[in-house]
Protein backbone atom coordinates (compact mmCIF):
# COMPACT_ATOMS: atom_id res chain seq x y z
CA MET A 1 -21.48 -8.97 31.96
CA SER A 2 -23.19 -5.58 32.13
CA ARG A 3 -24.26 -3.90 28.78
CA PRO A 4 -22.51 -0.61 27.85
CA ASN A 5 -24.51 2.56 28.36
CA LEU A 6 -24.82 5.00 25.38
CA ALA A 7 -25.37 8.69 25.24
CA LEU A 8 -26.78 10.38 22.04
CA VAL A 9 -25.86 14.13 22.31
CA GLY A 10 -27.63 16.13 19.87
CA ALA A 11 -30.82 13.85 20.30
CA THR A 12 -33.32 16.34 19.20
CA GLY A 13 -32.03 17.41 15.69
CA ALA A 14 -32.50 15.76 12.40
CA VAL A 15 -29.72 13.26 12.47
CA GLY A 16 -30.52 12.67 16.14
CA THR A 17 -34.10 11.70 15.41
CA VAL A 18 -32.63 9.26 12.81
CA MET A 19 -30.17 7.83 15.32
CA ARG A 20 -32.87 7.20 17.90
CA ASP A 21 -34.58 5.28 15.12
CA ILE A 22 -31.57 3.13 14.29
CA VAL A 23 -30.57 2.30 17.78
CA SER A 24 -34.14 1.44 18.34
CA ASN A 25 -34.36 -0.98 15.61
CA ARG A 26 -30.88 -2.53 15.46
CA ALA A 27 -29.71 -5.26 17.91
CA ASP A 28 -30.22 -4.08 21.30
CA ILE A 29 -27.00 -4.24 22.95
CA TRP A 30 -27.01 -1.23 25.13
CA GLY A 31 -27.89 -0.72 28.77
CA GLU A 32 -29.08 2.81 29.50
CA ILE A 33 -29.52 5.10 26.36
CA ARG A 34 -29.20 8.79 27.66
CA LEU A 35 -30.69 11.39 25.44
CA VAL A 36 -28.57 14.87 25.53
CA ALA A 37 -29.24 18.13 24.02
CA SER A 38 -28.87 21.73 24.67
CA PRO A 39 -30.27 23.26 27.95
CA ARG A 40 -33.31 24.69 25.94
CA SER A 41 -34.32 21.14 24.98
CA ALA A 42 -33.83 19.53 28.24
CA GLY A 43 -36.97 18.11 29.79
CA LYS A 44 -38.50 17.00 26.39
CA VAL A 45 -39.64 13.46 26.30
CA LEU A 46 -38.68 11.56 23.23
CA LYS A 47 -39.15 7.73 22.29
CA VAL A 48 -36.23 5.41 22.01
CA ARG A 49 -36.47 1.58 22.14
CA GLY A 50 -40.20 2.18 22.41
CA GLU A 51 -39.86 3.93 25.71
CA ASP A 52 -40.28 7.44 26.89
CA VAL A 53 -36.97 9.07 27.84
CA VAL A 54 -36.41 12.53 29.27
CA VAL A 55 -33.84 14.76 27.40
CA GLN A 56 -31.10 15.85 29.75
CA ALA A 57 -29.08 19.00 29.47
CA LEU A 58 -25.35 18.90 28.21
CA VAL A 59 -23.48 19.35 31.28
CA PRO A 60 -20.22 17.52 32.31
CA GLU A 61 -22.02 15.48 34.80
CA VAL A 62 -24.27 13.90 32.13
CA PHE A 63 -21.27 11.53 30.96
CA ASP A 64 -20.73 10.09 34.34
CA GLY A 65 -21.46 6.23 33.87
CA ILE A 66 -21.58 6.50 30.03
CA ASP A 67 -19.32 4.12 28.17
CA ILE A 68 -19.79 5.60 24.51
CA ALA A 69 -21.19 8.92 23.48
CA ILE A 70 -22.26 9.65 20.05
CA PHE A 71 -22.05 13.48 19.11
CA ASP A 72 -24.32 14.96 16.40
CA VAL A 73 -23.74 18.78 17.12
CA PRO A 74 -22.11 21.82 15.42
CA ASP A 75 -18.40 22.04 15.15
CA GLU A 76 -18.10 24.44 17.92
CA VAL A 77 -20.06 22.34 20.30
CA SER A 78 -18.03 19.35 19.60
CA ALA A 79 -14.83 21.21 20.04
CA GLU A 80 -15.91 22.11 23.40
CA TRP A 81 -17.87 19.03 24.83
CA VAL A 82 -16.15 15.90 23.02
CA PRO A 83 -13.01 16.13 25.06
CA VAL A 84 -15.13 16.61 28.30
CA ALA A 85 -16.97 13.27 27.60
CA ALA A 86 -13.66 11.62 26.72
CA GLU A 87 -12.03 12.98 30.00
CA ARG A 88 -15.06 11.57 32.01
CA GLY A 89 -14.41 8.06 30.58
CA ALA A 90 -16.70 7.79 27.65
CA ILE A 91 -15.54 6.79 24.24
CA ALA A 92 -16.69 9.84 22.17
CA ILE A 93 -17.80 9.29 18.38
CA ASP A 94 -18.00 12.54 16.89
CA LYS A 95 -19.95 13.27 13.57
CA SER A 96 -18.58 16.95 13.16
CA GLY A 97 -15.66 17.89 11.25
CA THR A 98 -13.76 19.24 14.33
CA PHE A 99 -11.45 16.23 14.81
CA ARG A 100 -11.55 14.44 11.56
CA MET A 101 -8.24 15.30 10.21
CA HIS A 102 -6.48 15.25 13.52
CA ALA A 103 -3.61 12.65 13.30
CA ASP A 104 -4.30 11.26 16.76
CA VAL A 105 -8.05 10.62 15.98
CA PRO A 106 -9.17 7.86 13.96
CA LEU A 107 -11.51 8.57 10.86
CA VAL A 108 -13.74 5.26 10.64
CA VAL A 109 -16.00 3.57 8.23
CA PRO A 110 -16.58 0.19 9.64
CA GLU A 111 -16.66 -1.54 6.21
CA VAL A 112 -13.38 -0.08 5.16
CA ASN A 113 -11.11 0.37 8.16
CA PRO A 114 -12.58 -1.13 11.19
CA LEU A 115 -9.23 -1.61 12.82
CA ASP A 116 -8.44 2.09 13.00
CA ALA A 117 -11.30 2.27 15.60
CA ARG A 118 -8.93 0.60 18.23
CA GLN A 119 -6.31 3.26 17.78
CA ARG A 120 -7.78 6.27 19.75
CA PRO A 121 -5.34 7.71 22.07
CA ARG A 122 -7.65 10.49 22.88
CA ASN A 123 -10.74 8.41 23.32
CA ILE A 124 -12.17 10.12 20.38
CA ILE A 125 -13.32 8.47 17.02
CA SER A 126 -14.40 10.64 14.20
CA THR A 127 -16.93 9.82 11.45
CA PRO A 128 -16.73 11.36 7.84
CA ASN A 129 -18.84 13.83 6.17
CA CYS A 130 -22.09 12.49 4.64
CA THR A 131 -20.66 13.11 0.95
CA THR A 132 -17.84 10.88 1.50
CA LEU A 133 -19.66 8.11 3.35
CA SER A 134 -22.19 7.98 0.43
CA MET A 135 -19.44 6.42 -1.60
CA MET A 136 -16.96 4.97 0.77
CA ALA A 137 -18.51 1.41 1.13
CA ALA A 138 -18.29 0.92 -2.64
CA MET A 139 -14.90 2.55 -3.24
CA GLY A 140 -13.36 0.75 -0.18
CA ALA A 141 -14.48 -2.54 -1.73
CA LEU A 142 -13.13 -1.79 -5.08
CA HIS A 143 -9.90 -0.28 -3.90
CA ALA A 144 -9.12 -3.49 -1.67
CA GLU A 145 -9.39 -5.49 -5.04
CA TYR A 146 -7.67 -3.10 -7.52
CA GLY A 147 -5.82 -0.25 -5.81
CA LEU A 148 -7.48 2.97 -6.14
CA GLN A 149 -5.13 5.77 -7.65
CA GLU A 150 -7.45 8.53 -8.63
CA LEU A 151 -11.10 9.99 -7.93
CA VAL A 152 -13.02 12.55 -9.75
CA VAL A 153 -16.33 12.95 -8.26
CA ALA A 154 -19.45 15.16 -9.02
CA SER A 155 -21.80 15.25 -6.11
CA TYR A 156 -25.67 15.79 -6.25
CA GLN A 157 -26.51 16.64 -2.54
CA ALA A 158 -29.83 16.83 -0.98
CA VAL A 159 -31.13 19.85 0.82
CA SER A 160 -31.23 17.83 4.26
CA GLY A 161 -27.45 17.92 4.31
CA ALA A 162 -27.97 21.65 5.47
CA GLY A 163 -30.15 20.43 8.26
CA VAL A 164 -33.86 20.88 9.19
CA ALA A 165 -33.57 24.24 7.66
CA GLY A 166 -32.32 22.98 4.27
CA SER A 167 -35.40 20.61 3.87
CA ALA A 168 -37.73 23.31 5.19
CA ARG A 169 -36.57 26.00 2.44
CA LEU A 170 -37.03 23.34 -0.41
CA TYR A 171 -40.56 22.71 0.74
CA ASP A 172 -41.18 26.51 1.08
CA GLU A 173 -39.86 27.39 -2.24
CA VAL A 174 -41.99 24.61 -4.01
CA GLU A 175 -45.15 25.68 -2.27
CA ALA A 176 -44.32 29.40 -3.27
CA LEU A 177 -43.99 28.52 -6.95
CA ALA A 178 -46.42 25.77 -7.21
CA GLY A 179 -49.14 25.97 -9.81
CA ASP A 180 -47.17 28.70 -11.97
CA ARG A 181 -46.09 26.98 -15.24
CA ASN A 182 -44.46 30.07 -16.44
CA VAL A 183 -41.58 30.03 -13.58
CA GLY A 184 -37.95 29.19 -14.61
CA GLN A 185 -38.34 30.41 -18.30
CA VAL A 186 -36.94 33.95 -17.62
CA ALA A 187 -33.68 34.55 -15.98
CA GLY A 188 -34.07 35.68 -12.43
CA ASP A 189 -37.98 35.13 -12.32
CA VAL A 190 -37.78 32.49 -9.51
CA ARG A 191 -35.58 34.58 -7.33
CA GLN A 192 -37.89 37.55 -7.88
CA ILE A 193 -41.02 35.48 -6.85
CA LEU A 194 -39.20 34.05 -3.81
CA ASP A 195 -37.92 37.38 -2.62
CA LYS A 196 -41.46 38.64 -2.43
CA LYS A 197 -43.00 35.49 -0.82
CA LEU A 198 -40.28 34.15 1.60
CA PRO A 199 -37.72 35.35 4.19
CA ALA A 200 -34.29 36.04 2.77
CA ASP A 201 -32.43 33.96 5.19
CA SER A 202 -32.03 30.63 3.07
CA PRO A 203 -29.55 28.16 3.81
CA PHE A 204 -28.42 28.23 -0.02
CA PRO A 205 -26.97 31.08 -1.79
CA ALA A 206 -29.52 30.76 -4.76
CA PRO A 207 -33.11 29.22 -5.22
CA ILE A 208 -33.02 25.49 -4.74
CA ALA A 209 -36.55 24.71 -6.30
CA PHE A 210 -36.37 23.90 -10.00
CA ASN A 211 -32.60 24.70 -9.85
CA VAL A 212 -29.16 23.22 -9.11
CA VAL A 213 -26.52 25.20 -6.97
CA PRO A 214 -22.86 24.37 -7.48
CA TRP A 215 -21.99 25.04 -3.91
CA ALA A 216 -22.00 23.28 -0.73
CA GLY A 217 -20.20 24.28 2.54
CA SER A 218 -17.89 27.43 3.05
CA LEU A 219 -15.40 29.18 0.86
CA LYS A 220 -11.95 27.85 1.23
CA GLU A 221 -8.65 28.91 -0.69
CA ASP A 222 -8.38 29.16 -4.40
CA GLY A 223 -12.36 28.90 -4.86
CA TRP A 224 -12.80 25.57 -3.36
CA ALA A 225 -15.71 24.72 -1.26
CA SER A 226 -15.29 22.97 2.07
CA GLU A 227 -17.37 20.08 1.14
CA GLU A 228 -15.04 19.33 -1.85
CA LEU A 229 -11.85 19.34 0.23
CA LYS A 230 -13.55 17.16 2.87
CA LEU A 231 -14.34 14.76 0.25
CA ARG A 232 -10.61 14.72 -0.78
CA ASN A 233 -9.04 14.72 2.66
CA GLU A 234 -11.34 12.32 4.23
CA SER A 235 -11.11 9.68 1.38
CA ARG A 236 -7.45 9.89 1.61
CA LYS A 237 -7.41 9.22 5.43
CA ILE A 238 -9.98 6.36 5.41
CA LEU A 239 -8.56 4.48 2.57
CA GLY A 240 -5.00 4.90 3.86
CA ILE A 241 -3.82 6.64 0.58
CA PRO A 242 -2.18 9.86 1.57
CA GLU A 243 -1.15 10.60 -2.05
CA LEU A 244 -4.58 9.75 -3.52
CA LYS A 245 -5.52 12.29 -6.44
CA VAL A 246 -8.98 13.46 -5.71
CA SER A 247 -10.95 16.20 -7.50
CA ALA A 248 -14.57 16.95 -6.66
CA THR A 249 -17.34 19.47 -7.68
CA CYS A 250 -20.24 19.43 -5.05
CA VAL A 251 -23.88 20.52 -6.17
CA ARG A 252 -26.77 21.03 -4.02
CA VAL A 253 -29.89 19.64 -5.80
CA PRO A 254 -33.76 19.87 -5.12
CA VAL A 255 -33.77 16.43 -3.51
CA VAL A 256 -34.88 16.15 0.04
CA THR A 257 -32.75 13.32 1.43
CA THR A 258 -30.12 11.01 -0.28
CA HIS A 259 -26.85 12.22 -1.66
CA SER A 260 -25.76 10.85 -5.26
CA LEU A 261 -22.19 10.94 -6.72
CA ALA A 262 -21.02 10.41 -10.20
CA VAL A 263 -17.59 8.74 -9.61
CA HIS A 264 -14.67 8.47 -12.05
CA ALA A 265 -12.20 5.97 -10.52
CA ARG A 266 -8.88 5.05 -11.80
CA PHE A 267 -7.17 1.99 -10.43
CA GLU A 268 -3.68 0.47 -10.48
CA ARG A 269 -4.81 -2.88 -11.75
CA PRO A 270 -6.98 -3.61 -14.77
CA VAL A 271 -10.62 -3.98 -13.79
CA THR A 272 -13.71 -4.79 -15.94
CA VAL A 273 -17.39 -4.18 -15.35
CA ALA A 274 -17.86 -7.66 -14.53
CA ASP A 275 -14.96 -7.57 -12.06
CA ALA A 276 -16.58 -4.49 -10.30
CA HIS A 277 -20.09 -6.22 -10.34
CA ARG A 278 -18.67 -9.16 -8.54
CA VAL A 279 -16.84 -7.05 -5.91
CA LEU A 280 -19.79 -4.72 -5.29
CA THR A 281 -22.20 -7.81 -5.04
CA ALA A 282 -20.01 -9.46 -2.40
CA ALA A 283 -19.78 -6.05 -0.32
CA PRO A 284 -22.13 -6.63 2.56
CA THR A 285 -23.58 -3.10 2.81
CA VAL A 286 -23.56 -2.30 -0.86
CA VAL A 287 -26.37 -2.94 -3.37
CA LEU A 288 -25.94 -3.23 -6.95
CA VAL A 289 -28.52 -1.91 -9.07
CA ASP A 290 -27.37 -1.91 -12.66
CA ASP A 291 -29.56 -2.82 -15.57
CA PRO A 292 -29.50 0.13 -17.87
CA ALA A 293 -31.31 -1.63 -20.77
CA ASN A 294 -34.29 -1.85 -18.58
CA GLY A 295 -34.08 1.48 -16.89
CA VAL A 296 -32.78 0.22 -13.64
CA TRP A 297 -30.33 2.20 -11.74
CA PRO A 298 -30.26 3.91 -8.30
CA THR A 299 -32.03 7.16 -7.59
CA PRO A 300 -32.77 9.04 -4.43
CA LEU A 301 -36.41 8.44 -4.39
CA GLU A 302 -35.83 4.61 -4.32
CA VAL A 303 -32.85 4.85 -1.83
CA VAL A 304 -34.20 7.29 0.84
CA GLY A 305 -34.97 5.71 4.01
CA THR A 306 -32.72 2.63 3.63
CA ASP A 307 -29.26 1.73 4.99
CA PRO A 308 -26.95 0.29 2.16
CA THR A 309 -24.98 2.04 -0.51
CA TYR A 310 -26.53 1.54 -3.85
CA VAL A 311 -24.49 1.50 -7.11
CA GLY A 312 -25.32 1.59 -10.78
CA ARG A 313 -24.32 2.73 -14.21
CA VAL A 314 -21.14 0.91 -13.85
CA ARG A 315 -19.04 1.54 -17.07
CA GLN A 316 -15.51 0.80 -18.24
CA ALA A 317 -14.19 4.40 -19.25
CA ILE A 318 -13.78 4.38 -22.96
CA ASP A 319 -10.74 6.74 -23.16
CA PHE A 320 -9.11 6.03 -19.68
CA PRO A 321 -7.27 2.70 -18.99
CA ASN A 322 -8.12 0.91 -15.70
CA THR A 323 -10.85 3.25 -15.00
CA LEU A 324 -14.59 2.90 -13.97
CA ASP A 325 -17.40 5.33 -14.15
CA LEU A 326 -20.27 4.72 -11.74
CA PHE A 327 -23.18 6.33 -10.05
CA VAL A 328 -23.77 6.03 -6.22
CA CYS A 329 -26.63 6.89 -3.93
CA GLY A 330 -26.75 6.80 -0.13
CA ASP A 331 -29.25 8.23 2.38
CA ASN A 332 -27.24 11.18 3.82
CA LEU A 333 -29.13 11.22 7.19
CA ARG A 334 -28.77 7.36 7.52
CA LYS A 335 -25.60 5.83 6.22
CA GLY A 336 -24.27 9.31 5.66
CA ALA A 337 -24.49 10.29 9.27
CA ALA A 338 -26.42 8.22 11.99
CA LEU A 339 -25.96 4.70 10.75
CA ASN A 340 -22.05 4.97 10.35
CA ALA A 341 -21.69 6.47 13.93
CA ALA A 342 -24.09 3.62 15.36
CA GLU A 343 -22.04 0.93 13.69
CA ILE A 344 -18.77 2.41 15.07
CA ALA A 345 -20.42 2.45 18.44
CA GLU A 346 -21.34 -1.34 18.06
CA LEU A 347 -17.85 -2.13 16.92
CA VAL A 348 -16.39 -0.44 19.95
CA ALA A 349 -18.87 -1.98 22.39
CA ALA A 350 -17.98 -5.51 21.24
CA GLU A 351 -14.51 -4.95 22.57
CA LEU A 352 -15.49 -3.26 26.03
């Protein structure tokens, strides 16, 4: 049997770079791997599976002969090109927000709802936002045992969630402020220094170095940020709980890569810390790191560049029955983006 052909659309971006690394180092199930990007990037030569591959321009014909296409492109590009790939016979796996909440497009996390990937009437499968993905393997495992009813989440989101420009801005700000031990002690002083030294076109609405910014995404109704609503709506769809109560506050922090979340989760059935440890330890892509007496818990610097979801600080809420508080970390460029799409692709490929 011939092996399926894979197209990586957006292969030159930050997540595309991680995707090339992932498909190069996981089980080699693919025939051709075709790298696709905008016309201005066509002709570049990039490594995948140890071989030099020429990047091809995003045109309809690039999907001819392709079985599965993974898209890591902006929403407006996905809206135009994902249907084109699907119409030309490829199963399109889209990482943008364009199709996530469409009723006829499954939103899939393979550890949680793999069977949903089979229900794809439009030949399109969507993958969740990186913030949702950072906690979903852990919450899916606990939900399966105890029945999740409510989620209150505070996110601590890395700057790479805003793309290459986000990481570059943090590095630039740190460099601009480095060596001055007086910064951050007077209101507005950091902004004044950065305004003099750096361009004004930051991807963040406030300085990110030495700071936290309680905003991620775009403004939606009633003061909610788009990232907060994504977390709510996507959790409901993935877990199959349309009435799940969710409230989120998304915060950008001066971390390069790896999102963290403080999660307050109420369940239908009683659950203890020992119960949660047992379930999380058994979950195949979750790593339990929970020994606070010895200062052991997950942090972004220990998680970055790895694939699992890391969980620690598991506590039974004192004032809330059937409720756990826990801290979750996940690399937003790997599990939060590229890896989940690759796992979906592998899941689909096994059925072709």
